[in-house]
C-alpha atoms as a PDB file:
ATOM      1  CA  MET A   1       1.220  23.075  -0.156  1.00  0.00           C
ATOM      2  CA  TRP A   2       1.030  20.674   2.762  1.00  0.00           C
ATOM      3  CA  ARG A   3      -0.063  20.791   6.377  1.00  0.00           C
ATOM      4  CA  ARG A   4       2.014  20.308   9.494  1.00  0.00           C
ATOM      5  CA  GLU A   5       0.528  20.328  12.976  1.00  0.00           C
ATOM      6  CA  GLY A   6      -2.365  22.559  11.958  1.00  0.00           C
ATOM      7  CA  GLN A   7      -0.202  25.026  10.020  1.00  0.00           C
ATOM      8  CA  VAL A   8      -0.264  25.366   6.259  1.00  0.00           C
ATOM      9  CA  VAL A   9       3.258  25.280   4.840  1.00  0.00           C
ATOM     10  CA  THR A  10       3.584  26.845   1.419  1.00  0.00           C
ATOM     11  CA  ASP A  11       7.325  26.439   0.859  1.00  0.00           C
ATOM     12  CA  ARG A  12       9.072  23.097   0.820  1.00  0.00           C
ATOM     13  CA  ARG A  13      12.770  22.398   0.954  1.00  0.00           C
ATOM     14  CA  ALA A  14      14.658  20.437  -1.662  1.00  0.00           C
ATOM     15  CA  GLY A  15      14.563  16.680  -1.227  1.00  0.00           C
ATOM     16  CA  MET A  16      12.147  14.668   0.909  1.00  0.00           C
ATOM     17  CA  ASP A  17       8.929  16.073   2.343  1.00  0.00           C
ATOM     18  CA  HIS A  18       9.945  15.059   5.871  1.00  0.00           C
ATOM     19  CA  ASP A  19      13.031  14.514   8.022  1.00  0.00           C
ATOM     20  CA  LEU A  20      12.505  10.837   8.857  1.00  0.00           C
ATOM     21  CA  TYR A  21      14.936   9.442   6.259  1.00  0.00           C
ATOM     22  CA  GLU A  22      16.809  10.395   3.109  1.00  0.00           C
ATOM     23  CA  TYR A  23      15.949   9.100  -0.332  1.00  0.00           C
ATOM     24  CA  SER A  24      17.705   5.789  -1.067  1.00  0.00           C
ATOM     25  CA  ALA A  25      17.636   4.211  -4.526  1.00  0.00           C
ATOM     26  CA  LEU A  26      17.900   0.454  -4.189  1.00  0.00           C
ATOM     27  CA  PRO A  27      20.718   0.037  -6.776  1.00  0.00           C
ATOM     28  CA  SER A  28      22.909   2.397  -4.729  1.00  0.00           C
ATOM     29  CA  ARG A  29      22.963   0.005  -1.759  1.00  0.00           C
ATOM     30  CA  ARG A  30      25.565  -2.687  -1.271  1.00  0.00           C
ATOM     31  CA  PRO A  31      23.913  -6.146  -1.237  1.00  0.00           C
ATOM     32  CA  TYR A  32      23.602  -8.245   1.904  1.00  0.00           C
ATOM     33  CA  SER A  33      21.888 -11.489   2.897  1.00  0.00           C
ATOM     34  CA  TRP A  34      19.845 -12.646   5.866  1.00  0.00           C
ATOM     35  CA  PRO A  35      21.149 -15.128   8.485  1.00  0.00           C
ATOM     36  CA  ASN A  36      22.542 -18.362   7.031  1.00  0.00           C
ATOM     37  CA  GLY A  37      22.670 -16.759   3.604  1.00  0.00           C
ATOM     38  CA  ALA A  38      18.889 -16.555   3.209  1.00  0.00           C
ATOM     39  CA  ARG A  39      17.586 -14.491   0.288  1.00  0.00           C
ATOM     40  CA  ILE A  40      14.071 -13.771   1.580  1.00  0.00           C
ATOM     41  CA  ALA A  41      12.907 -12.870   5.079  1.00  0.00           C
ATOM     42  CA  LEU A  42       9.334 -14.151   5.361  1.00  0.00           C
ATOM     43  CA  ARG A  43       7.543 -12.012   7.916  1.00  0.00           C
ATOM     44  CA  VAL A  44       4.002 -13.208   8.680  1.00  0.00           C
ATOM     45  CA  VAL A  45       1.882 -10.656  10.538  1.00  0.00           C
ATOM     46  CA  VAL A  46      -1.418 -11.874  12.005  1.00  0.00           C
ATOM     47  CA  TYR A  47      -3.844  -9.186  13.145  1.00  0.00           C
ATOM     48  CA  LEU A  48      -5.972  -9.870  16.225  1.00  0.00           C
ATOM     49  CA  ASP A  49      -8.506  -7.049  16.386  1.00  0.00           C
ATOM     50  CA  TYR A  50     -11.447  -6.069  18.519  1.00  0.00           C
ATOM     51  CA  TRP A  51     -14.174  -4.228  16.601  1.00  0.00           C
ATOM     52  CA  GLU A  52     -16.362  -2.181  18.939  1.00  0.00           C
ATOM     53  CA  LEU A  53     -20.097  -2.636  18.863  1.00  0.00           C
ATOM     54  CA  ALA A  54     -20.602   1.107  19.391  1.00  0.00           C
ATOM     55  CA  PRO A  55     -17.352   3.061  18.850  1.00  0.00           C
ATOM     56  CA  PRO A  56     -17.050   6.660  20.107  1.00  0.00           C
ATOM     57  CA  ALA A  57     -18.426   9.297  17.758  1.00  0.00           C
ATOM     58  CA  GLU A  58     -14.974  10.867  17.283  1.00  0.00           C
ATOM     59  CA  SER A  59     -13.267   7.592  16.331  1.00  0.00           C
ATOM     60  CA  VAL A  60     -11.982   7.056  12.793  1.00  0.00           C
ATOM     61  CA  GLN A  61     -12.236   3.804  10.826  1.00  0.00           C
ATOM     62  CA  ALA A  62     -10.482   3.067   7.556  1.00  0.00           C
ATOM     63  CA  PRO A  63     -12.727   3.494   4.510  1.00  0.00           C
ATOM     64  CA  ASP A  64     -14.106   0.301   2.942  1.00  0.00           C
ATOM     65  CA  VAL A  65     -13.084  -2.081   5.714  1.00  0.00           C
ATOM     66  CA  GLN A  66     -16.472  -2.440   7.367  1.00  0.00           C
ATOM     67  CA  GLY A  67     -18.343  -4.278   4.643  1.00  0.00           C
ATOM     68  CA  PRO A  68     -21.032  -3.816   1.993  1.00  0.00           C
ATOM     69  CA  TRP A  69     -23.860  -3.495   4.495  1.00  0.00           C
ATOM     70  CA  PRO A  70     -25.115  -0.145   5.880  1.00  0.00           C
ATOM     71  CA  VAL A  71     -23.988   1.057   9.290  1.00  0.00           C
ATOM     72  CA  ILE A  72     -26.955   0.890  11.637  1.00  0.00           C
ATOM     73  CA  PRO A  73     -25.763   1.077  15.230  1.00  0.00           C
ATOM     74  CA  PRO A  74     -25.372  -1.073  17.161  1.00  0.00           C
ATOM     75  CA  ASP A  75     -23.545  -2.796  14.315  1.00  0.00           C
ATOM     76  CA  TYR A  76     -23.832  -6.431  15.393  1.00  0.00           C
ATOM     77  CA  ARG A  77     -22.952  -7.722  11.945  1.00  0.00           C
ATOM     78  CA  THR A  78     -19.517  -6.137  11.651  1.00  0.00           C
ATOM     79  CA  HIS A  79     -18.785  -6.726  15.329  1.00  0.00           C
ATOM     80  CA  SER A  80     -19.535 -10.443  15.142  1.00  0.00           C
ATOM     81  CA  TYR A  81     -17.955 -10.878  11.707  1.00  0.00           C
ATOM     82  CA  ARG A  82     -14.640  -9.702  13.179  1.00  0.00           C
ATOM     83  CA  GLU A  83     -15.171 -11.781  16.292  1.00  0.00           C
ATOM     84  CA  TYR A  84     -15.030 -14.919  14.147  1.00  0.00           C
ATOM     85  CA  GLY A  85     -11.268 -14.388  13.987  1.00  0.00           C
ATOM     86  CA  SER A  86     -10.764 -14.708  17.754  1.00  0.00           C
ATOM     87  CA  ARG A  87     -13.290 -17.538  18.219  1.00  0.00           C
ATOM     88  CA  VAL A  88     -12.424 -19.769  15.245  1.00  0.00           C
ATOM     89  CA  GLY A  89     -10.052 -18.427  12.603  1.00  0.00           C
ATOM     90  CA  ILE A  90      -6.969 -17.768  14.727  1.00  0.00           C
ATOM     91  CA  PHE A  91      -6.755 -21.438  15.715  1.00  0.00           C
ATOM     92  CA  ARG A  92      -6.620 -22.547  12.078  1.00  0.00           C
ATOM     93  CA  LEU A  93      -3.764 -20.123  11.508  1.00  0.00           C
ATOM     94  CA  LEU A  94      -1.918 -21.307  14.618  1.00  0.00           C
ATOM     95  CA  ASP A  95      -2.053 -24.931  13.478  1.00  0.00           C
ATOM     96  CA  LEU A  96      -1.032 -24.149   9.900  1.00  0.00           C
ATOM     97  CA  LEU A  97       1.921 -21.979  10.856  1.00  0.00           C
ATOM     98  CA  GLU A  98       3.120 -24.487  13.441  1.00  0.00           C
ATOM     99  CA  GLU A  99       2.949 -27.201  10.775  1.00  0.00           C
ATOM    100  CA  LEU A 100       5.133 -25.036   8.519  1.00  0.00           C
ATOM    101  CA  ASN A 101       7.497 -24.045  11.359  1.00  0.00           C
ATOM    102  CA  ILE A 102       6.631 -20.358  11.007  1.00  0.00           C
ATOM    103  CA  ARG A 103       6.531 -18.098  14.046  1.00  0.00           C
ATOM    104  CA  ALA A 104       4.338 -15.119  13.263  1.00  0.00           C
ATOM    105  CA  THR A 105       4.096 -11.616  14.667  1.00  0.00           C
ATOM    106  CA  LEU A 106       0.744 -11.026  16.371  1.00  0.00           C
ATOM    107  CA  ALA A 107      -0.343  -7.401  15.946  1.00  0.00           C
ATOM    108  CA  VAL A 108      -2.693  -7.072  18.891  1.00  0.00           C
ATOM    109  CA  GLY A 109      -4.488  -4.039  20.289  1.00  0.00           C
ATOM    110  CA  ALA A 110      -5.201  -3.234  23.918  1.00  0.00           C
ATOM    111  CA  ALA A 111      -8.893  -4.167  23.746  1.00  0.00           C
ATOM    112  CA  ALA A 112      -8.097  -7.535  22.161  1.00  0.00           C
ATOM    113  CA  CYS A 113      -5.506  -8.238  24.870  1.00  0.00           C
ATOM    114  CA  GLU A 114      -8.134  -7.648  27.524  1.00  0.00           C
ATOM    115  CA  ARG A 115     -10.885  -9.695  25.869  1.00  0.00           C
ATOM    116  CA  TYR A 116      -8.909 -12.477  24.225  1.00  0.00           C
ATOM    117  CA  ALA A 117      -6.154 -13.075  26.773  1.00  0.00           C
ATOM    118  CA  PHE A 118      -6.375 -16.837  26.191  1.00  0.00           C
ATOM    119  CA  VAL A 119      -5.635 -16.368  22.490  1.00  0.00           C
ATOM    120  CA  VAL A 120      -2.742 -13.979  23.099  1.00  0.00           C
ATOM    121  CA  LYS A 121      -1.120 -16.352  25.590  1.00  0.00           C
ATOM    122  CA  LEU A 122      -1.584 -19.290  23.207  1.00  0.00           C
ATOM    123  CA  CYS A 123       0.126 -17.398  20.395  1.00  0.00           C
ATOM    124  CA  GLN A 124       2.946 -16.477  22.758  1.00  0.00           C
ATOM    125  CA  SER A 125       3.344 -20.138  23.768  1.00  0.00           C
ATOM    126  CA  ARG A 126       3.872 -21.021  20.078  1.00  0.00           C
ATOM    127  CA  GLY A 127       6.810 -18.635  19.882  1.00  0.00           C
ATOM    128  CA  TRP A 128       4.926 -15.779  18.236  1.00  0.00           C
ATOM    129  CA  GLU A 129       6.005 -12.207  18.813  1.00  0.00           C
ATOM    130  CA  LEU A 130       3.511  -9.660  20.166  1.00  0.00           C
ATOM    131  CA  ALA A 131       3.521  -6.212  18.534  1.00  0.00           C
ATOM    132  CA  ALA A 132       1.671  -3.137  19.766  1.00  0.00           C
ATOM    133  CA  HIS A 133      -1.339  -2.420  17.549  1.00  0.00           C
ATOM    134  CA  GLY A 134      -3.252   0.501  19.030  1.00  0.00           C
ATOM    135  CA  THR A 135      -6.361  -0.045  21.106  1.00  0.00           C
ATOM    136  CA  HIS A 136      -9.367  -0.960  18.908  1.00  0.00           C
ATOM    137  CA  ALA A 137      -9.983  -1.863  15.265  1.00  0.00           C
ATOM    138  CA  THR A 138     -12.438   1.032  15.200  1.00  0.00           C
ATOM    139  CA  ARG A 139      -9.932   3.678  16.360  1.00  0.00           C
ATOM    140  CA  MET A 140      -7.221   4.598  13.877  1.00  0.00           C
ATOM    141  CA  VAL A 141      -4.400   6.935  14.779  1.00  0.00           C
ATOM    142  CA  THR A 142      -4.710  10.085  12.671  1.00  0.00           C
ATOM    143  CA  SER A 143      -3.393  13.656  12.654  1.00  0.00           C
ATOM    144  CA  MET A 144      -6.753  14.774  14.023  1.00  0.00           C
ATOM    145  CA  MET A 145      -5.719  13.395  17.407  1.00  0.00           C
ATOM    146  CA  SER A 146      -3.866  15.519  19.924  1.00  0.00           C
ATOM    147  CA  GLU A 147      -0.314  14.547  20.813  1.00  0.00           C
ATOM    148  CA  ASP A 148      -1.390  13.612  24.332  1.00  0.00           C
ATOM    149  CA  ASP A 149      -4.170  11.366  23.006  1.00  0.00           C
ATOM    150  CA  GLU A 150      -1.787   9.636  20.622  1.00  0.00           C
ATOM    151  CA  LYS A 151       0.786   9.087  23.363  1.00  0.00           C
ATOM    152  CA  LEU A 152      -1.982   7.548  25.468  1.00  0.00           C
ATOM    153  CA  VAL A 153      -2.970   5.144  22.673  1.00  0.00           C
ATOM    154  CA  ILE A 154       0.635   3.975  22.258  1.00  0.00           C
ATOM    155  CA  GLN A 155       1.127   3.530  25.989  1.00  0.00           C
ATOM    156  CA  GLU A 156      -2.185   1.677  26.400  1.00  0.00           C
ATOM    157  CA  ALA A 157      -1.166  -0.753  23.667  1.00  0.00           C
ATOM    158  CA  ILE A 158       2.226  -1.396  25.303  1.00  0.00           C
ATOM    159  CA  THR A 159       0.783  -1.740  28.818  1.00  0.00           C
ATOM    160  CA  ALA A 160      -1.935  -4.172  27.711  1.00  0.00           C
ATOM    161  CA  ILE A 161       0.606  -6.519  26.090  1.00  0.00           C
ATOM    162  CA  GLU A 162       2.828  -6.372  29.174  1.00  0.00           C
ATOM    163  CA  ALA A 163      -0.132  -7.183  31.422  1.00  0.00           C
ATOM    164  CA  VAL A 164      -1.280 -10.239  29.483  1.00  0.00           C
ATOM    165  CA  SER A 165       2.099 -11.646  28.441  1.00  0.00           C
ATOM    166  CA  GLY A 166       4.689 -10.437  30.950  1.00  0.00           C
ATOM    167  CA  VAL A 167       6.903  -9.093  28.150  1.00  0.00           C
ATOM    168  CA  SER A 168       7.233  -5.677  26.548  1.00  0.00           C
ATOM    169  CA  PRO A 169       6.535  -5.354  22.819  1.00  0.00           C
ATOM    170  CA  ARG A 170       9.451  -4.347  20.618  1.00  0.00           C
ATOM    171  CA  GLY A 171       7.544  -2.780  17.739  1.00  0.00           C
ATOM    172  CA  TRP A 172       4.506  -0.890  16.490  1.00  0.00           C
ATOM    173  CA  ILE A 173       2.144  -2.021  13.725  1.00  0.00           C
ATOM    174  CA  ALA A 174      -0.638   0.518  13.344  1.00  0.00           C
ATOM    175  CA  GLN A 175      -4.324  -0.135  12.958  1.00  0.00           C
ATOM    176  CA  ASP A 176      -5.031   0.066   9.200  1.00  0.00           C
ATOM    177  CA  TYR A 177      -1.589   1.659   8.639  1.00  0.00           C
ATOM    178  CA  GLY A 178      -2.870   4.857  10.282  1.00  0.00           C
ATOM    179  CA  GLU A 179      -0.322   7.417  11.470  1.00  0.00           C
ATOM    180  CA  SER A 180      -0.056  11.078  12.299  1.00  0.00           C
ATOM    181  CA  LEU A 181       2.962  13.254  11.510  1.00  0.00           C
ATOM    182  CA  ARG A 182       4.177  12.498  15.041  1.00  0.00           C
ATOM    183  CA  THR A 183       3.770   8.720  15.135  1.00  0.00           C
ATOM    184  CA  PRO A 184       7.335   7.529  14.346  1.00  0.00           C
ATOM    185  CA  HIS A 185       8.744   9.979  16.895  1.00  0.00           C
ATOM    186  CA  LEU A 186       6.267   8.950  19.610  1.00  0.00           C
ATOM    187  CA  VAL A 187       6.819   5.257  18.894  1.00  0.00           C
ATOM    188  CA  ALA A 188      10.588   5.710  19.257  1.00  0.00           C
ATOM    189  CA  GLU A 189      10.208   7.818  22.396  1.00  0.00           C
ATOM    190  CA  ALA A 190       8.073   5.030  23.898  1.00  0.00           C
ATOM    191  CA  GLY A 191      11.076   2.719  23.584  1.00  0.00           C
ATOM    192  CA  LEU A 192       9.901   0.644  20.624  1.00  0.00           C
ATOM    193  CA  GLU A 193      12.498  -0.485  18.080  1.00  0.00           C
ATOM    194  CA  TYR A 194      10.600  -0.852  14.812  1.00  0.00           C
ATOM    195  CA  ILE A 195       7.537   0.385  12.972  1.00  0.00           C
ATOM    196  CA  GLY A 196       5.734  -1.598  10.278  1.00  0.00           C
ATOM    197  CA  ASP A 197       3.484   0.744   8.301  1.00  0.00           C
ATOM    198  CA  TRP A 198       5.395   2.371   5.434  1.00  0.00           C
ATOM    199  CA  PRO A 199       5.022   0.470   2.111  1.00  0.00           C
ATOM    200  CA  ASN A 200       7.902   2.149   0.295  1.00  0.00           C
ATOM    201  CA  ASP A 201      10.592  -0.541   0.049  1.00  0.00           C
ATOM    202  CA  GLU A 202      11.487  -4.234  -0.156  1.00  0.00           C
ATOM    203  CA  GLN A 203      14.218  -3.956   2.471  1.00  0.00           C
ATOM    204  CA  PRO A 204      14.131  -2.514   5.988  1.00  0.00           C
ATOM    205  CA  TYR A 205      15.640   0.923   6.517  1.00  0.00           C
ATOM    206  CA  PHE A 206      16.360   3.342   9.360  1.00  0.00           C
ATOM    207  CA  MET A 207      14.187   6.245  10.387  1.00  0.00           C
ATOM    208  CA  THR A 208      15.557   9.126  12.431  1.00  0.00           C
ATOM    209  CA  ALA A 209      12.836   9.501  15.028  1.00  0.00           C
ATOM    210  CA  GLY A 210      12.395  10.458  18.645  1.00  0.00           C
ATOM    211  CA  GLY A 211      15.986  11.578  18.957  1.00  0.00           C
ATOM    212  CA  GLY A 212      17.215   8.126  17.983  1.00  0.00           C
ATOM    213  CA  ARG A 213      16.966   5.466  15.326  1.00  0.00           C
ATOM    214  CA  LEU A 214      13.915   3.368  14.425  1.00  0.00           C
ATOM    215  CA  VAL A 215      13.854   0.430  12.006  1.00  0.00           C
ATOM    216  CA  SER A 216      11.100   0.653   9.409  1.00  0.00           C
ATOM    217  CA  LEU A 217       9.907  -2.797   8.299  1.00  0.00           C
ATOM    218  CA  PRO A 218       8.068  -2.014   5.070  1.00  0.00           C
ATOM    219  CA  ALA A 219       4.441  -3.050   4.875  1.00  0.00           C
ATOM    220  CA  GLN A 220       3.393  -4.702   1.606  1.00  0.00           C
ATOM    221  CA  PRO A 221      -0.367  -4.066   1.429  1.00  0.00           C
ATOM    222  CA  GLU A 222      -0.567  -5.105  -2.232  1.00  0.00           C
ATOM    223  CA  TRP A 223      -1.034  -8.678  -0.975  1.00  0.00           C
ATOM    224  CA  ASP A 224      -2.621  -7.920   2.388  1.00  0.00           C
ATOM    225  CA  ASP A 225      -5.619 -10.296   2.538  1.00  0.00           C
ATOM    226  CA  VAL A 226      -8.099  -7.531   3.397  1.00  0.00           C
ATOM    227  CA  GLU A 227      -6.773  -5.315   0.611  1.00  0.00           C
ATOM    228  CA  LEU A 228      -7.012  -8.114  -1.954  1.00  0.00           C
ATOM    229  CA  LEU A 229     -10.065 -10.130  -0.967  1.00  0.00           C
ATOM    230  CA  TRP A 230     -12.246  -7.686   0.955  1.00  0.00           C
ATOM    231  CA  ILE A 231     -11.653  -4.298  -0.629  1.00  0.00           C
ATOM    232  CA  ARG A 232     -10.603  -5.188  -4.182  1.00  0.00           C
ATOM    233  CA  GLN A 233     -12.837  -8.270  -4.259  1.00  0.00           C
ATOM    234  CA  LEU A 234     -10.187 -10.465  -5.864  1.00  0.00           C
ATOM    235  CA  PRO A 235     -11.547 -14.017  -6.248  1.00  0.00           C
ATOM    236  CA  THR A 236     -10.054 -16.111  -3.475  1.00  0.00           C
ATOM    237  CA  THR A 237      -8.931 -18.725  -6.011  1.00  0.00           C
ATOM    238  CA  LYS A 238      -6.462 -16.138  -7.361  1.00  0.00           C
ATOM    239  CA  TYR A 239      -4.905 -15.404  -3.954  1.00  0.00           C
ATOM    240  CA  PRO A 240      -2.115 -18.014  -4.257  1.00  0.00           C
ATOM    241  CA  THR A 241      -1.216 -16.702  -7.711  1.00  0.00           C
ATOM    242  CA  VAL A 242      -0.808 -13.118  -6.490  1.00  0.00           C
ATOM    243  CA  VAL A 243       1.222 -14.088  -3.418  1.00  0.00           C
ATOM    244  CA  ASN A 244       3.433 -16.557  -5.272  1.00  0.00           C
ATOM    245  CA  ASP A 245       4.003 -14.157  -8.177  1.00  0.00           C
ATOM    246  CA  ALA A 246       5.184 -11.551  -5.673  1.00  0.00           C
ATOM    247  CA  PHE A 247       7.430 -14.092  -3.991  1.00  0.00           C
ATOM    248  CA  SER A 248       8.926 -15.300  -7.278  1.00  0.00           C
ATOM    249  CA  ARG A 249       9.857 -11.759  -8.313  1.00  0.00           C
ATOM    250  CA  LEU A 250      11.363 -10.940  -4.928  1.00  0.00           C
ATOM    251  CA  TYR A 251      13.260 -14.226  -4.834  1.00  0.00           C
ATOM    252  CA  ALA A 252      14.770 -13.594  -8.250  1.00  0.00           C
ATOM    253  CA  ASP A 253      15.719 -10.024  -7.352  1.00  0.00           C
ATOM    254  CA  ALA A 254      17.287 -11.236  -4.103  1.00  0.00           C
ATOM    255  CA  GLU A 255      20.190 -12.569  -6.143  1.00  0.00           C
ATOM    256  CA  HIS A 256      21.394  -8.967  -6.008  1.00  0.00           C
ATOM    257  CA  GLY A 257      20.581  -8.367  -2.344  1.00  0.00           C
ATOM    258  CA  ALA A 258      18.232  -9.668   0.322  1.00  0.00           C
ATOM    259  CA  ARG A 259      14.533  -8.939   0.160  1.00  0.00           C
ATOM    260  CA  MET A 260      11.630  -9.183   2.589  1.00  0.00           C
ATOM    261  CA  LEU A 261       8.117 -10.523   2.041  1.00  0.00           C
ATOM    262  CA  THR A 262       5.499  -9.420   4.556  1.00  0.00           C
ATOM    263  CA  LEU A 263       2.320 -11.482   4.549  1.00  0.00           C
ATOM    264  CA  ALA A 264      -0.521  -9.736   6.409  1.00  0.00           C
ATOM    265  CA  LEU A 265      -3.297 -12.068   7.558  1.00  0.00           C
ATOM    266  CA  HIS A 266      -6.599 -11.371   9.307  1.00  0.00           C
ATOM    267  CA  PRO A 267      -8.094 -14.537  10.840  1.00  0.00           C
ATOM    268  CA  TRP A 268     -11.666 -13.255  10.519  1.00  0.00           C
ATOM    269  CA  LEU A 269     -11.178 -13.213   6.744  1.00  0.00           C
ATOM    270  CA  ILE A 270      -8.447 -15.521   5.443  1.00  0.00           C
ATOM    271  CA  ALA A 271      -9.245 -18.346   7.888  1.00  0.00           C
ATOM    272  CA  GLN A 272     -12.832 -18.730   6.676  1.00  0.00           C
ATOM    273  CA  PRO A 273     -13.336 -22.369   5.558  1.00  0.00           C
ATOM    274  CA  HIS A 274     -13.639 -21.544   1.842  1.00  0.00           C
ATOM    275  CA  ARG A 275     -10.565 -19.262   1.854  1.00  0.00           C
ATOM    276  CA  PHE A 276      -8.224 -21.202   4.106  1.00  0.00           C
ATOM    277  CA  PRO A 277      -7.136 -23.849   1.550  1.00  0.00           C
ATOM    278  CA  TYR A 278      -5.880 -21.081  -0.749  1.00  0.00           C
ATOM    279  CA  LEU A 279      -3.838 -19.519   2.050  1.00  0.00           C
ATOM    280  CA  LYS A 280      -2.310 -22.919   2.768  1.00  0.00           C
ATOM    281  CA  GLU A 281      -1.459 -23.379  -0.908  1.00  0.00           C
ATOM    282  CA  ALA A 282       0.206 -19.972  -1.092  1.00  0.00           C
ATOM    283  CA  ILE A 283       2.245 -20.072   2.094  1.00  0.00           C
ATOM    284  CA  ALA A 284       3.270 -23.738   1.894  1.00  0.00           C
ATOM    285  CA  ARG A 285       5.030 -23.132  -1.405  1.00  0.00           C
ATOM    286  CA  ILE A 286       7.009 -20.218   0.024  1.00  0.00           C
ATOM    287  CA  ALA A 287       7.943 -22.019   3.230  1.00  0.00           C
ATOM    288  CA  CYS A 288       9.497 -24.983   1.407  1.00  0.00           C
ATOM    289  CA  GLU A 289      11.782 -22.900  -0.836  1.00  0.00           C
ATOM    290  CA  PRO A 290      15.515 -22.890   0.001  1.00  0.00           C
ATOM    291  CA  GLY A 291      16.877 -19.549   1.097  1.00  0.00           C
ATOM    292  CA  VAL A 292      13.673 -18.479   2.876  1.00  0.00           C
ATOM    293  CA  TRP A 293      14.079 -17.339   6.478  1.00  0.00           C
ATOM    294  CA  ALA A 294      10.765 -17.290   8.370  1.00  0.00           C
ATOM    295  CA  ALA A 295      11.250 -14.794  11.187  1.00  0.00           C
ATOM    296  CA  THR A 296       9.414 -12.566  13.606  1.00  0.00           C
ATOM    297  CA  SER A 297       9.437  -8.823  13.094  1.00  0.00           C
ATOM    298  CA  THR A 298      11.992  -8.216  15.838  1.00  0.00           C
ATOM    299  CA  GLU A 299      14.308 -10.861  14.373  1.00  0.00           C
ATOM    300  CA  VAL A 300      14.174  -9.157  10.983  1.00  0.00           C
ATOM    301  CA  ALA A 301      14.751  -5.722  12.513  1.00  0.00           C
ATOM    302  CA  GLN A 302      17.716  -6.954  14.548  1.00  0.00           C
ATOM    303  CA  ALA A 303      19.270  -8.812  11.612  1.00  0.00           C
ATOM    304  CA  PHE A 304      18.979  -5.684   9.500  1.00  0.00           C
ATOM    305  CA  ALA A 305      20.542  -3.539  12.215  1.00  0.00           C
ATOM    306  CA  GLU A 306      23.538  -5.896  12.290  1.00  0.00           C
ATOM    307  CA  VAL A 307      24.240  -5.775   8.543  1.00  0.00           C
ATOM    308  CA  ALA A 308      23.230  -2.168   7.849  1.00  0.00           C
ATOM    309  CA  PRO A 309      26.478  -0.481   9.007  1.00  0.00           C
ATOM    310  CA  THR A 310      28.562  -2.534   6.577  1.00  0.00           C
ATOM    311  CA  ALA A 311      26.052  -2.829   3.756  1.00  0.00           C
ATOM    312  CA  GLY A 312      25.038   0.812   3.607  1.00  0.00           C
ATOM    313  CA  ALA A 313      21.485  -0.509   3.588  1.00  0.00           C
ATOM    314  CA  GLY A 314      18.625   1.905   3.708  1.00  0.00           C
ATOM    315  CA  ALA A 315      20.682   4.990   2.914  1.00  0.00           C
ATOM    316  CA  SER A 316      22.111   6.439  -0.250  1.00  0.00           C
ATOM    317  CA  GLU A 317      25.820   5.902  -0.674  1.00  0.00           C
END
């Protein structure tokens, strides 16, 4: 039994539980490579969030992301802890990634665009891509929202990026991976080309959404810094081991077809002085390997779209 748009559905059809894509076993796909024969697409996603001091009562936050302290509004501690990322941490990440010749994707919400315009413009000047990321870190998209409210959130995110940067975002990366049953369709209808929230693959694939086609760039939250260091409490000294073990496996498997490694970074967390050296250790090793293509999200989505028709990628053959 599952629920769709407020209705309980007791019968399910054969196959997938939705109509967004068909099941695709990786061995059934013809292999392909990234531009210049690269084996791994390294996609670095940096999250620039604004955590509200007093979010609306109806807003939804992801469990476990606030911190170990009790919520006593106004929550100055969580608010200012997150603010460290826009005041200090983001600049460490900018310098490190420039040193390694990596252009990241900045997932930035509407409220952050308005408050941290200087940071957004600086990231843009370094060649970073800007991706729509909702409105606030304290307001996840969920199926409890109405369709009109969700459309408004998506449009606010797009409009805020356009206002601060002069360019339209090409993709959607949700706050805390939150989606409703409508999200891929609404994202596609809004004119965006990719979505980055589904952690079900190591290669991009197509979604049928909004009457068209949307590229899904799989999230890889197993080595998301918040997932590892904040929620699971992995010792920071082990962070390079986890990231590099993941990379080594993907790199080896890429002999039989290209793979993608998405590295999700939150400057309020990973750019803290005691954690930053371990990030540098992890990412520097990956960046220096031959056959690694460091690319923005749109570049990965476009490269996939070019090879997919001939490779049969992302669909069963």
